[in-house]
């Protein structure tokens, strides 16, 4: 079963309460998402570390319920 965009966003916001999160189901199939996340927690972290933090927040769902996730992450300006 695919993950819906609302669940994906909720999991990210749960881990990063101050985050600005935009989710795009770019294939329209509930399996391929793009996420743009701006969170203070990312400040001072490399892009790889930021993405690892997001994957950890998704609790192993990537590759299972969530087939593909393109990430854009950064700290607020």
Protein backbone atom coordinates (compact mmCIF):
# COMPACT_ATOMS: atom_id res chain seq x y z
CA UNK A 1 0.00 0.00 0.00
CA UNK A 2 1.30 3.45 -0.92
CA UNK A 3 1.77 6.27 1.56
CA UNK A 4 -0.41 9.35 1.12
CA UNK A 5 1.06 12.86 1.09
CA UNK A 6 -0.66 13.81 4.34
CA UNK A 7 0.94 10.94 6.24
CA UNK A 8 4.34 11.76 4.76
CA UNK A 9 4.03 15.41 5.78
CA UNK A 10 2.80 14.49 9.27
CA UNK A 11 5.80 12.23 9.89
CA UNK A 12 8.20 14.98 8.83
CA UNK A 13 6.47 17.66 10.93
CA UNK A 14 6.43 15.31 13.93
CA UNK A 15 10.23 15.08 13.73
CA UNK A 16 10.76 18.74 12.81
CA UNK A 17 7.92 20.75 14.39
CA UNK A 18 9.22 24.11 13.16
CA UNK A 19 9.66 22.91 9.58
CA UNK A 20 8.11 24.36 6.48
CA UNK A 21 7.19 21.28 4.44
CA UNK A 22 5.94 21.10 0.86
CA UNK A 23 5.06 17.70 -0.60
CA UNK A 24 4.48 17.08 -4.29
CA UNK A 25 3.16 13.76 -5.64
CA UNK A 26 4.95 14.37 -8.93
CA UNK A 27 3.83 11.13 -10.59
CA UNK A 28 0.28 11.30 -9.24
CA UNK A 29 0.51 7.70 -8.06
CA UNK A 30 1.07 8.07 -4.30
CA UNK A 31 4.45 6.37 -4.68
CA UNK A 32 6.77 9.07 -6.03
CA UNK A 33 7.08 12.24 -3.98
CA UNK A 34 9.24 15.32 -3.91
CA UNK A 35 9.64 17.08 -0.57
CA UNK A 36 10.99 20.55 0.09
CA UNK A 37 11.82 20.92 3.79
CA UNK A 38 13.17 24.00 5.57
CA UNK A 39 14.01 23.40 9.23
CA UNK A 40 16.29 24.95 11.84
CA UNK A 41 17.43 21.44 12.78
CA UNK A 42 19.35 21.33 9.49
CA UNK A 43 21.57 24.31 10.36
CA UNK A 44 25.25 23.35 10.30
CA UNK A 45 24.53 19.92 8.83
CA UNK A 46 25.69 18.68 5.44
CA UNK A 47 23.08 17.85 2.85
CA UNK A 48 23.75 14.13 3.41
CA UNK A 49 23.21 14.55 7.15
CA UNK A 50 19.99 16.49 6.52
CA UNK A 51 18.66 13.74 4.27
CA UNK A 52 19.64 11.08 6.80
CA UNK A 53 17.65 12.99 9.42
CA UNK A 54 14.57 12.97 7.17
CA UNK A 55 14.95 9.25 6.39
CA UNK A 56 15.22 8.55 10.13
CA UNK A 57 12.01 10.54 10.69
CA UNK A 58 10.26 8.33 8.14
CA UNK A 59 11.03 5.26 10.28
CA UNK A 60 12.00 2.83 7.52
CA UNK A 61 9.04 3.60 5.25
CA UNK A 62 11.26 4.58 2.27
CA UNK A 63 11.57 1.59 -0.03
CA UNK A 64 8.42 0.02 1.38
CA UNK A 65 5.24 2.09 1.64
CA UNK A 66 7.10 5.01 0.10
CA UNK A 67 8.76 3.99 -3.15
CA UNK A 68 10.64 7.18 -4.07
CA UNK A 69 11.35 10.48 -2.34
CA UNK A 70 13.29 13.34 -3.90
CA UNK A 71 14.49 15.66 -1.14
CA UNK A 72 15.40 19.32 -1.03
CA UNK A 73 16.46 20.33 2.47
CA UNK A 74 17.94 23.45 4.03
CA UNK A 75 18.01 25.60 7.15
CA UNK A 76 16.00 28.84 7.14
CA UNK A 77 17.69 31.91 5.65
